[in-house]
């Protein structure tokens, strides 16, 4: 759970988390994000507590904060769109690249990993083949480990976005938002 210097910042984050969850769960009222813990925020919090099997108190105790923050992070991960890569700015399809895949997206991934080897000297040199081979799999797994992502060797949206963010920070002249 994050630490806050003032109640208004804590309330704003509470509202932001509840608002994110309300986008995908119609049982949760969407509160305003204004830093004021008013009746709309209390209503949204009660809706959340009921939906997540917590005591419906309308107050944010430690347990509610923990469950809320975990649900917020899970929702952000689940509903995040793949980020554009400077060399591939309009990728809009879901990303899930596994060993044995052959595609342009694999070529782009291999290119980014190859360029990022300047940061990750332990990476074997990834050959750009368009095929998700053992070397690419191992490079992805090492990247995931270094970035505290689940070490599956599979390039899902979270892994793709982490690789893309680092690549874009190093090589893009303008970030794509």
N, C-alpha and C. Protein backbone atom coordinates (compact mmCIF):
# COMPACT_ATOMS: atom_id res chain seq x y z
N UNK A 1 0.85 -1.18 0.00
CA UNK A 1 0.00 0.00 0.00
C UNK A 1 0.89 1.24 0.00
N UNK A 2 0.62 2.21 -0.87
CA UNK A 2 1.42 3.42 -0.93
C UNK A 2 1.30 4.27 0.34
N UNK A 3 2.34 5.06 0.61
CA UNK A 3 2.32 5.99 1.74
C UNK A 3 1.98 7.39 1.22
N UNK A 4 1.24 8.17 2.01
CA UNK A 4 0.80 9.49 1.58
C UNK A 4 1.16 10.54 2.61
N UNK A 5 1.45 11.73 2.09
CA UNK A 5 1.75 12.86 2.97
C UNK A 5 0.50 13.55 3.45
N UNK A 6 -0.56 13.48 2.66
CA UNK A 6 -1.79 14.13 3.11
C UNK A 6 -3.00 13.31 2.69
N UNK A 7 -4.08 13.57 3.37
CA UNK A 7 -5.31 12.81 3.16
C UNK A 7 -5.88 13.02 1.77
N UNK A 8 -5.73 14.21 1.22
CA UNK A 8 -6.27 14.50 -0.10
C UNK A 8 -5.62 13.62 -1.17
N UNK A 9 -4.30 13.44 -1.10
CA UNK A 9 -3.60 12.58 -2.06
C UNK A 9 -4.05 11.13 -1.91
N UNK A 10 -4.22 10.68 -0.70
CA UNK A 10 -4.69 9.31 -0.45
C UNK A 10 -6.09 9.14 -1.01
N UNK A 11 -6.95 10.12 -0.80
CA UNK A 11 -8.32 10.04 -1.30
C UNK A 11 -8.34 10.06 -2.82
N UNK A 12 -7.49 10.89 -3.43
CA UNK A 12 -7.41 10.91 -4.90
C UNK A 12 -7.01 9.56 -5.45
N UNK A 13 -6.04 8.92 -4.85
CA UNK A 13 -5.62 7.60 -5.32
C UNK A 13 -6.72 6.58 -5.08
N UNK A 14 -7.38 6.64 -3.95
CA UNK A 14 -8.51 5.76 -3.68
C UNK A 14 -9.55 5.92 -4.78
N UNK A 15 -9.87 7.15 -5.10
CA UNK A 15 -10.85 7.44 -6.14
C UNK A 15 -10.37 6.94 -7.51
N UNK A 16 -9.10 7.13 -7.79
CA UNK A 16 -8.52 6.68 -9.06
C UNK A 16 -8.62 5.16 -9.19
N UNK A 17 -8.31 4.44 -8.12
CA UNK A 17 -8.38 2.98 -8.13
C UNK A 17 -9.83 2.53 -8.33
N UNK A 18 -10.75 3.14 -7.59
CA UNK A 18 -12.16 2.79 -7.72
C UNK A 18 -12.68 3.11 -9.13
N UNK A 19 -12.27 4.24 -9.67
CA UNK A 19 -12.71 4.63 -11.01
C UNK A 19 -12.22 3.61 -12.04
N UNK A 20 -10.97 3.19 -11.94
CA UNK A 20 -10.44 2.17 -12.86
C UNK A 20 -11.28 0.91 -12.79
N UNK A 21 -11.60 0.46 -11.59
CA UNK A 21 -12.39 -0.77 -11.44
C UNK A 21 -13.82 -0.59 -11.96
N UNK A 22 -14.35 0.61 -11.82
CA UNK A 22 -15.73 0.86 -12.27
C UNK A 22 -15.85 0.78 -13.79
N UNK A 23 -14.77 1.02 -14.52
CA UNK A 23 -14.82 0.94 -15.98
C UNK A 23 -15.19 -0.46 -16.44
N UNK A 24 -14.81 -1.46 -15.68
CA UNK A 24 -14.99 -2.85 -16.10
C UNK A 24 -15.93 -3.63 -15.19
N UNK A 25 -16.47 -2.97 -14.17
CA UNK A 25 -17.41 -3.62 -13.26
C UNK A 25 -18.56 -2.65 -12.99
N UNK A 26 -19.68 -2.85 -13.67
CA UNK A 26 -20.80 -1.90 -13.52
C UNK A 26 -21.41 -1.88 -12.11
N UNK A 27 -21.04 -2.84 -11.27
CA UNK A 27 -21.55 -2.84 -9.89
C UNK A 27 -20.86 -1.80 -9.03
N UNK A 28 -19.76 -1.23 -9.52
CA UNK A 28 -19.00 -0.22 -8.75
C UNK A 28 -19.28 1.16 -9.34
N UNK A 29 -19.82 2.03 -8.52
CA UNK A 29 -20.10 3.41 -8.92
C UNK A 29 -18.79 4.14 -9.20
N UNK A 30 -18.73 4.93 -10.26
CA UNK A 30 -17.53 5.69 -10.62
C UNK A 30 -17.48 6.99 -9.82
N UNK A 31 -16.55 7.10 -8.87
CA UNK A 31 -16.49 8.33 -8.06
C UNK A 31 -15.76 9.45 -8.80
N UNK A 32 -15.98 10.69 -8.39
CA UNK A 32 -15.16 11.78 -8.95
C UNK A 32 -13.73 11.65 -8.42
N UNK A 33 -12.79 12.17 -9.15
CA UNK A 33 -11.41 12.18 -8.67
C UNK A 33 -11.09 13.62 -8.30
N UNK A 34 -11.44 13.96 -7.06
CA UNK A 34 -11.30 15.34 -6.61
C UNK A 34 -10.58 15.47 -5.26
N UNK A 35 -10.18 14.33 -4.68
CA UNK A 35 -9.47 14.37 -3.40
C UNK A 35 -10.36 14.60 -2.19
N UNK A 36 -11.67 14.62 -2.40
CA UNK A 36 -12.61 14.84 -1.30
C UNK A 36 -13.37 13.54 -1.04
N UNK A 37 -13.30 13.05 0.18
CA UNK A 37 -14.00 11.81 0.53
C UNK A 37 -15.44 12.15 0.89
N UNK A 38 -16.26 12.29 -0.16
CA UNK A 38 -17.67 12.62 0.03
C UNK A 38 -18.56 11.40 -0.12
N UNK A 39 -19.84 11.66 -0.27
CA UNK A 39 -20.82 10.57 -0.33
C UNK A 39 -20.63 9.69 -1.58
N UNK A 40 -20.21 10.28 -2.71
CA UNK A 40 -19.99 9.48 -3.92
C UNK A 40 -18.81 8.53 -3.75
N UNK A 41 -17.76 8.99 -3.10
CA UNK A 41 -16.60 8.13 -2.85
C UNK A 41 -16.97 7.01 -1.88
N UNK A 42 -17.71 7.36 -0.83
CA UNK A 42 -18.15 6.34 0.13
C UNK A 42 -19.04 5.30 -0.55
N UNK A 43 -19.93 5.75 -1.44
CA UNK A 43 -20.80 4.82 -2.18
C UNK A 43 -19.97 3.88 -3.04
N UNK A 44 -19.01 4.44 -3.77
CA UNK A 44 -18.15 3.63 -4.62
C UNK A 44 -17.35 2.62 -3.79
N UNK A 45 -16.85 3.07 -2.66
CA UNK A 45 -16.07 2.18 -1.79
C UNK A 45 -16.96 1.05 -1.25
N UNK A 46 -18.19 1.36 -0.87
CA UNK A 46 -19.12 0.32 -0.40
C UNK A 46 -19.41 -0.68 -1.53
N UNK A 47 -19.61 -0.16 -2.75
CA UNK A 47 -19.84 -1.05 -3.90
C UNK A 47 -18.65 -1.98 -4.09
N UNK A 48 -17.45 -1.42 -4.02
CA UNK A 48 -16.24 -2.23 -4.16
C UNK A 48 -16.17 -3.29 -3.07
N UNK A 49 -16.37 -2.88 -1.83
CA UNK A 49 -16.28 -3.82 -0.72
C UNK A 49 -17.28 -4.97 -0.90
N UNK A 50 -18.49 -4.65 -1.31
CA UNK A 50 -19.49 -5.69 -1.54
C UNK A 50 -19.10 -6.62 -2.68
N UNK A 51 -18.57 -6.04 -3.76
CA UNK A 51 -18.18 -6.84 -4.93
C UNK A 51 -16.99 -7.75 -4.64
N UNK A 52 -16.16 -7.36 -3.68
CA UNK A 52 -14.93 -8.13 -3.40
C UNK A 52 -15.01 -8.89 -2.07
N UNK A 53 -16.21 -9.04 -1.53
CA UNK A 53 -16.40 -9.86 -0.34
C UNK A 53 -15.81 -9.30 0.94
N UNK A 54 -15.67 -7.99 1.00
CA UNK A 54 -15.15 -7.33 2.20
C UNK A 54 -16.32 -6.82 3.04
N UNK A 55 -16.10 -6.57 4.33
CA UNK A 55 -17.15 -5.94 5.13
C UNK A 55 -17.52 -4.58 4.51
N UNK A 56 -18.79 -4.36 4.29
CA UNK A 56 -19.26 -3.13 3.63
C UNK A 56 -19.39 -2.04 4.69
N UNK A 57 -18.30 -1.27 4.84
CA UNK A 57 -18.25 -0.22 5.85
C UNK A 57 -18.22 1.18 5.25
N UNK A 58 -17.77 1.27 4.01
CA UNK A 58 -17.61 2.59 3.40
C UNK A 58 -16.38 3.33 3.88
N UNK A 59 -15.53 2.66 4.65
CA UNK A 59 -14.27 3.27 5.08
C UNK A 59 -13.12 2.40 4.59
N UNK A 60 -12.00 3.04 4.37
CA UNK A 60 -10.84 2.37 3.77
C UNK A 60 -9.86 1.93 4.84
N UNK A 61 -10.13 0.77 5.44
CA UNK A 61 -9.18 0.23 6.40
C UNK A 61 -8.03 -0.46 5.65
N UNK A 62 -7.06 -0.97 6.37
CA UNK A 62 -5.88 -1.57 5.76
C UNK A 62 -6.23 -2.71 4.81
N UNK A 63 -7.13 -3.59 5.24
CA UNK A 63 -7.51 -4.74 4.39
C UNK A 63 -8.16 -4.25 3.10
N UNK A 64 -9.05 -3.27 3.21
CA UNK A 64 -9.70 -2.72 2.01
C UNK A 64 -8.66 -2.12 1.07
N UNK A 65 -7.71 -1.36 1.61
CA UNK A 65 -6.66 -0.76 0.79
C UNK A 65 -5.87 -1.84 0.06
N UNK A 66 -5.49 -2.89 0.79
CA UNK A 66 -4.69 -3.96 0.18
C UNK A 66 -5.44 -4.63 -0.96
N UNK A 67 -6.70 -4.97 -0.73
CA UNK A 67 -7.49 -5.64 -1.77
C UNK A 67 -7.75 -4.67 -2.93
N UNK A 68 -8.05 -3.42 -2.62
CA UNK A 68 -8.31 -2.41 -3.65
C UNK A 68 -7.09 -2.21 -4.53
N UNK A 69 -5.94 -2.05 -3.92
CA UNK A 69 -4.73 -1.81 -4.70
C UNK A 69 -4.38 -3.02 -5.57
N UNK A 70 -4.53 -4.21 -5.03
CA UNK A 70 -4.26 -5.43 -5.82
C UNK A 70 -5.25 -5.53 -6.98
N UNK A 71 -6.52 -5.23 -6.74
CA UNK A 71 -7.52 -5.29 -7.80
C UNK A 71 -7.25 -4.23 -8.87
N UNK A 72 -6.85 -3.05 -8.43
CA UNK A 72 -6.51 -1.96 -9.36
C UNK A 72 -5.35 -2.37 -10.27
N UNK A 73 -4.27 -2.89 -9.66
CA UNK A 73 -3.11 -3.30 -10.46
C UNK A 73 -3.48 -4.42 -11.43
N UNK A 74 -4.27 -5.38 -10.97
CA UNK A 74 -4.69 -6.47 -11.85
C UNK A 74 -5.54 -5.94 -13.01
N UNK A 75 -6.41 -4.99 -12.72
CA UNK A 75 -7.25 -4.40 -13.75
C UNK A 75 -6.42 -3.64 -14.78
N UNK A 76 -5.44 -2.87 -14.28
CA UNK A 76 -4.57 -2.13 -15.20
C UNK A 76 -3.80 -3.07 -16.11
N UNK A 77 -3.30 -4.17 -15.54
CA UNK A 77 -2.55 -5.14 -16.33
C UNK A 77 -3.47 -5.80 -17.36
N UNK A 78 -4.64 -6.21 -16.92
CA UNK A 78 -5.57 -6.92 -17.79
C UNK A 78 -6.09 -6.04 -18.92
N UNK A 79 -6.28 -4.76 -18.67
CA UNK A 79 -6.93 -3.90 -19.65
C UNK A 79 -5.97 -2.92 -20.34
N UNK A 80 -4.67 -3.12 -20.16
CA UNK A 80 -3.70 -2.27 -20.81
C UNK A 80 -3.51 -2.70 -22.26
N UNK A 81 -3.49 -1.73 -23.14
CA UNK A 81 -3.24 -2.01 -24.55
C UNK A 81 -1.74 -2.05 -24.81
N UNK A 82 -1.30 -2.81 -25.81
CA UNK A 82 0.13 -2.83 -26.12
C UNK A 82 0.61 -1.43 -26.53
N UNK A 83 1.78 -1.05 -26.09
CA UNK A 83 2.35 0.24 -26.46
C UNK A 83 2.97 0.15 -27.84
N UNK A 84 3.00 1.26 -28.52
CA UNK A 84 3.63 1.31 -29.83
C UNK A 84 5.14 1.33 -29.67
N UNK A 85 5.80 0.81 -30.66
CA UNK A 85 7.26 0.82 -30.71
C UNK A 85 7.63 1.88 -31.74
N UNK A 86 8.71 2.57 -31.53
CA UNK A 86 9.12 3.63 -32.44
C UNK A 86 9.20 3.12 -33.88
N UNK A 87 9.61 1.87 -34.08
CA UNK A 87 9.69 1.35 -35.44
C UNK A 87 8.39 0.68 -35.89
N UNK A 88 7.44 0.55 -35.01
CA UNK A 88 6.16 -0.09 -35.30
C UNK A 88 5.07 0.68 -34.55
N UNK A 89 4.80 1.93 -34.94
CA UNK A 89 3.96 2.79 -34.11
C UNK A 89 2.48 2.46 -34.07
N UNK A 90 1.98 1.55 -34.87
CA UNK A 90 0.54 1.34 -34.89
C UNK A 90 0.13 -0.09 -34.59
N UNK A 91 0.86 -0.79 -33.74
CA UNK A 91 0.50 -2.14 -33.34
C UNK A 91 -0.72 -2.06 -32.43
N UNK A 92 -1.83 -2.62 -32.86
CA UNK A 92 -3.06 -2.55 -32.07
C UNK A 92 -3.62 -3.91 -31.73
N UNK A 93 -3.01 -4.97 -32.21
CA UNK A 93 -3.52 -6.31 -31.92
C UNK A 93 -2.94 -6.79 -30.60
N UNK A 94 -3.65 -7.73 -29.93
CA UNK A 94 -3.12 -8.26 -28.67
C UNK A 94 -1.77 -8.96 -28.90
N UNK A 95 -0.91 -8.87 -27.91
CA UNK A 95 0.42 -9.45 -28.03
C UNK A 95 0.51 -10.69 -27.15
N UNK A 96 0.83 -11.81 -27.76
CA UNK A 96 1.16 -13.03 -27.05
C UNK A 96 2.04 -13.82 -28.01
N UNK A 97 3.35 -13.75 -27.80
CA UNK A 97 4.29 -14.40 -28.69
C UNK A 97 4.97 -15.51 -27.91
N UNK A 98 4.92 -16.71 -28.46
CA UNK A 98 5.48 -17.87 -27.78
C UNK A 98 6.53 -18.54 -28.65
N UNK A 99 7.27 -19.44 -28.03
CA UNK A 99 8.30 -20.20 -28.74
C UNK A 99 7.68 -20.88 -29.95
N UNK A 100 8.35 -20.78 -31.07
CA UNK A 100 7.86 -21.38 -32.30
C UNK A 100 7.09 -20.42 -33.19
N UNK A 101 6.73 -19.23 -32.66
CA UNK A 101 6.01 -18.24 -33.45
C UNK A 101 6.93 -17.68 -34.54
N UNK A 102 6.34 -17.34 -35.66
CA UNK A 102 7.05 -16.68 -36.77
C UNK A 102 6.19 -15.52 -37.22
N UNK A 103 6.68 -14.27 -37.04
CA UNK A 103 5.89 -13.11 -37.44
C UNK A 103 6.77 -11.87 -37.46
N UNK A 104 6.20 -10.80 -38.00
CA UNK A 104 6.89 -9.52 -37.99
C UNK A 104 7.07 -9.02 -36.55
N UNK A 105 6.08 -9.28 -35.69
CA UNK A 105 6.19 -8.87 -34.28
C UNK A 105 7.40 -9.54 -33.62
N UNK A 106 7.69 -10.80 -33.97
CA UNK A 106 8.88 -11.48 -33.44
C UNK A 106 10.14 -10.76 -33.94
N UNK A 107 10.14 -10.38 -35.21
CA UNK A 107 11.28 -9.64 -35.77
C UNK A 107 11.52 -8.35 -35.00
N UNK A 108 10.44 -7.63 -34.70
CA UNK A 108 10.55 -6.37 -33.95
C UNK A 108 11.06 -6.65 -32.54
N UNK A 109 10.50 -7.66 -31.89
CA UNK A 109 10.96 -8.04 -30.55
C UNK A 109 12.45 -8.37 -30.57
N UNK A 110 12.88 -9.17 -31.53
CA UNK A 110 14.29 -9.53 -31.62
C UNK A 110 15.16 -8.30 -31.84
N UNK A 111 14.70 -7.39 -32.66
CA UNK A 111 15.45 -6.15 -32.88
C UNK A 111 15.59 -5.36 -31.57
N UNK A 112 14.48 -5.21 -30.85
CA UNK A 112 14.53 -4.45 -29.60
C UNK A 112 15.45 -5.13 -28.59
N UNK A 113 15.34 -6.45 -28.46
CA UNK A 113 16.22 -7.17 -27.52
C UNK A 113 17.68 -7.02 -27.91
N UNK A 114 17.93 -7.10 -29.19
CA UNK A 114 19.32 -6.94 -29.67
C UNK A 114 19.86 -5.57 -29.29
N UNK A 115 19.06 -4.52 -29.49
CA UNK A 115 19.48 -3.16 -29.14
C UNK A 115 19.61 -2.98 -27.63
N UNK A 116 18.74 -3.63 -26.87
CA UNK A 116 18.78 -3.51 -25.41
C UNK A 116 19.93 -4.30 -24.79
N UNK A 117 20.61 -5.10 -25.58
CA UNK A 117 21.75 -5.85 -25.03
C UNK A 117 22.84 -4.92 -24.52
N UNK A 118 22.81 -3.66 -24.94
CA UNK A 118 23.75 -2.67 -24.39
C UNK A 118 23.49 -2.47 -22.90
N UNK A 119 22.23 -2.63 -22.47
CA UNK A 119 21.88 -2.50 -21.06
C UNK A 119 22.00 -3.82 -20.32
N UNK A 120 21.77 -4.91 -21.02
CA UNK A 120 21.75 -6.24 -20.43
C UNK A 120 22.88 -7.07 -21.06
N UNK A 121 24.06 -6.90 -20.53
CA UNK A 121 25.22 -7.55 -21.12
C UNK A 121 25.15 -9.07 -21.04
N UNK A 122 24.30 -9.62 -20.19
CA UNK A 122 24.16 -11.08 -20.07
C UNK A 122 23.37 -11.67 -21.23
N UNK A 123 22.67 -10.82 -22.00
CA UNK A 123 21.88 -11.32 -23.12
C UNK A 123 22.78 -11.89 -24.21
N UNK A 124 22.43 -13.09 -24.65
CA UNK A 124 23.09 -13.62 -25.84
C UNK A 124 22.69 -12.73 -27.01
N UNK A 125 23.54 -12.63 -28.01
CA UNK A 125 23.17 -11.81 -29.16
C UNK A 125 21.99 -12.47 -29.87
N UNK A 126 20.90 -11.75 -29.94
CA UNK A 126 19.69 -12.27 -30.57
C UNK A 126 19.79 -12.03 -32.07
N UNK A 127 19.70 -13.11 -32.82
CA UNK A 127 19.70 -13.00 -34.27
C UNK A 127 18.30 -12.64 -34.73
N UNK A 128 18.19 -11.73 -35.66
CA UNK A 128 16.89 -11.28 -36.14
C UNK A 128 16.46 -12.19 -37.28
N UNK A 129 15.56 -13.13 -36.93
CA UNK A 129 15.12 -14.15 -37.88
C UNK A 129 13.61 -14.12 -38.12
N UNK A 130 12.87 -13.50 -37.21
CA UNK A 130 11.42 -13.54 -37.29
C UNK A 130 10.83 -14.78 -36.65
N UNK A 131 11.70 -15.68 -36.18
CA UNK A 131 11.25 -16.90 -35.52
C UNK A 131 11.60 -16.86 -34.04
N UNK A 132 10.66 -17.21 -33.20
CA UNK A 132 10.83 -17.18 -31.74
C UNK A 132 11.57 -18.46 -31.33
N UNK A 133 12.90 -18.41 -31.44
CA UNK A 133 13.74 -19.58 -31.18
C UNK A 133 14.20 -19.62 -29.73
N UNK A 134 15.07 -20.58 -29.41
CA UNK A 134 15.56 -20.73 -28.04
C UNK A 134 16.31 -19.49 -27.56
N UNK A 135 17.11 -18.88 -28.42
CA UNK A 135 17.88 -17.69 -28.01
C UNK A 135 16.92 -16.54 -27.66
N UNK A 136 15.89 -16.35 -28.47
CA UNK A 136 14.89 -15.31 -28.19
C UNK A 136 14.16 -15.63 -26.89
N UNK A 137 13.77 -16.87 -26.73
CA UNK A 137 13.09 -17.32 -25.51
C UNK A 137 13.94 -17.02 -24.28
N UNK A 138 15.23 -17.39 -24.32
CA UNK A 138 16.13 -17.16 -23.18
C UNK A 138 16.35 -15.67 -22.93
N UNK A 139 16.44 -14.88 -24.01
CA UNK A 139 16.61 -13.43 -23.87
C UNK A 139 15.38 -12.81 -23.21
N UNK A 140 14.19 -13.25 -23.61
CA UNK A 140 12.95 -12.74 -23.01
C UNK A 140 12.91 -13.12 -21.54
N UNK A 141 13.26 -14.37 -21.24
CA UNK A 141 13.23 -14.83 -19.86
C UNK A 141 14.20 -14.03 -18.98
N UNK A 142 15.40 -13.75 -19.49
CA UNK A 142 16.37 -12.94 -18.74
C UNK A 142 15.84 -11.52 -18.57
N UNK A 143 15.28 -10.95 -19.62
CA UNK A 143 14.70 -9.61 -19.52
C UNK A 143 13.61 -9.59 -18.46
N UNK A 144 12.74 -10.59 -18.47
CA UNK A 144 11.66 -10.67 -17.47
C UNK A 144 12.24 -10.73 -16.06
N UNK A 145 13.27 -11.54 -15.88
CA UNK A 145 13.91 -11.66 -14.56
C UNK A 145 14.46 -10.31 -14.10
N UNK A 146 15.19 -9.64 -14.97
CA UNK A 146 15.82 -8.36 -14.63
C UNK A 146 14.78 -7.27 -14.35
N UNK A 147 13.58 -7.44 -14.88
CA UNK A 147 12.54 -6.42 -14.72
C UNK A 147 11.40 -6.88 -13.81
N UNK A 148 11.66 -7.93 -13.05
CA UNK A 148 10.72 -8.45 -12.06
C UNK A 148 9.35 -8.77 -12.65
N UNK A 149 9.37 -9.36 -13.83
CA UNK A 149 8.17 -9.84 -14.48
C UNK A 149 8.14 -11.36 -14.32
N UNK A 150 6.98 -11.98 -14.45
CA UNK A 150 6.94 -13.44 -14.38
C UNK A 150 7.87 -14.04 -15.45
N UNK A 151 8.73 -14.94 -15.06
CA UNK A 151 9.75 -15.50 -15.95
C UNK A 151 9.20 -16.68 -16.73
N UNK A 152 8.39 -16.38 -17.73
CA UNK A 152 7.75 -17.42 -18.53
C UNK A 152 8.44 -17.65 -19.86
N UNK A 153 9.20 -16.65 -20.33
CA UNK A 153 9.78 -16.74 -21.67
C UNK A 153 8.77 -16.42 -22.75
N UNK A 154 7.53 -16.18 -22.35
CA UNK A 154 6.46 -15.81 -23.28
C UNK A 154 6.35 -14.29 -23.30
N UNK A 155 6.22 -13.72 -24.47
CA UNK A 155 6.07 -12.28 -24.58
C UNK A 155 4.58 -11.95 -24.58
N UNK A 156 4.08 -11.60 -23.39
CA UNK A 156 2.70 -11.16 -23.25
C UNK A 156 2.69 -9.64 -23.28
N UNK A 157 1.54 -9.03 -23.05
CA UNK A 157 1.43 -7.57 -23.12
C UNK A 157 2.36 -6.89 -22.12
N UNK A 158 2.45 -7.41 -20.89
CA UNK A 158 3.31 -6.80 -19.87
C UNK A 158 4.78 -6.82 -20.30
N UNK A 159 5.22 -7.96 -20.82
CA UNK A 159 6.62 -8.07 -21.27
C UNK A 159 6.85 -7.18 -22.49
N UNK A 160 5.93 -7.24 -23.45
CA UNK A 160 6.06 -6.40 -24.66
C UNK A 160 6.17 -4.93 -24.27
N UNK A 161 5.29 -4.48 -23.36
CA UNK A 161 5.31 -3.07 -22.95
C UNK A 161 6.59 -2.70 -22.24
N UNK A 162 7.12 -3.58 -21.40
CA UNK A 162 8.37 -3.29 -20.69
C UNK A 162 9.53 -3.19 -21.67
N UNK A 163 9.62 -4.13 -22.62
CA UNK A 163 10.68 -4.08 -23.64
C UNK A 163 10.53 -2.80 -24.46
N UNK A 164 9.30 -2.53 -24.89
CA UNK A 164 9.02 -1.36 -25.72
C UNK A 164 9.36 -0.06 -25.00
N UNK A 165 8.96 0.05 -23.72
CA UNK A 165 9.27 1.26 -22.95
C UNK A 165 10.77 1.50 -22.89
N UNK A 166 11.53 0.46 -22.58
CA UNK A 166 12.98 0.64 -22.48
C UNK A 166 13.59 0.96 -23.84
N UNK A 167 13.13 0.29 -24.88
CA UNK A 167 13.63 0.56 -26.23
C UNK A 167 13.32 2.01 -26.62
N UNK A 168 12.07 2.42 -26.42
CA UNK A 168 11.67 3.79 -26.79
C UNK A 168 12.44 4.84 -26.00
N UNK A 169 12.70 4.59 -24.72
CA UNK A 169 13.46 5.56 -23.92
C UNK A 169 14.87 5.73 -24.47
N UNK A 170 15.44 4.66 -24.96
CA UNK A 170 16.81 4.73 -25.46
C UNK A 170 16.91 5.23 -26.90
N UNK A 171 15.94 4.89 -27.74
CA UNK A 171 16.14 5.11 -29.17
C UNK A 171 15.13 5.99 -29.87
N UNK A 172 13.98 6.25 -29.28
CA UNK A 172 12.98 7.07 -29.95
C UNK A 172 13.27 8.54 -29.74
N UNK A 173 13.11 9.32 -30.79
CA UNK A 173 13.31 10.77 -30.64
C UNK A 173 12.11 11.39 -29.96
N UNK A 174 10.92 10.82 -30.16
CA UNK A 174 9.71 11.28 -29.49
C UNK A 174 8.96 10.06 -28.99
N UNK A 175 8.53 10.08 -27.73
CA UNK A 175 7.77 8.94 -27.23
C UNK A 175 6.38 8.88 -27.88
N UNK A 176 5.90 7.70 -28.10
CA UNK A 176 4.55 7.50 -28.62
C UNK A 176 3.63 7.24 -27.44
N UNK A 177 2.69 8.13 -27.19
CA UNK A 177 1.77 7.98 -26.07
C UNK A 177 0.38 7.67 -26.55
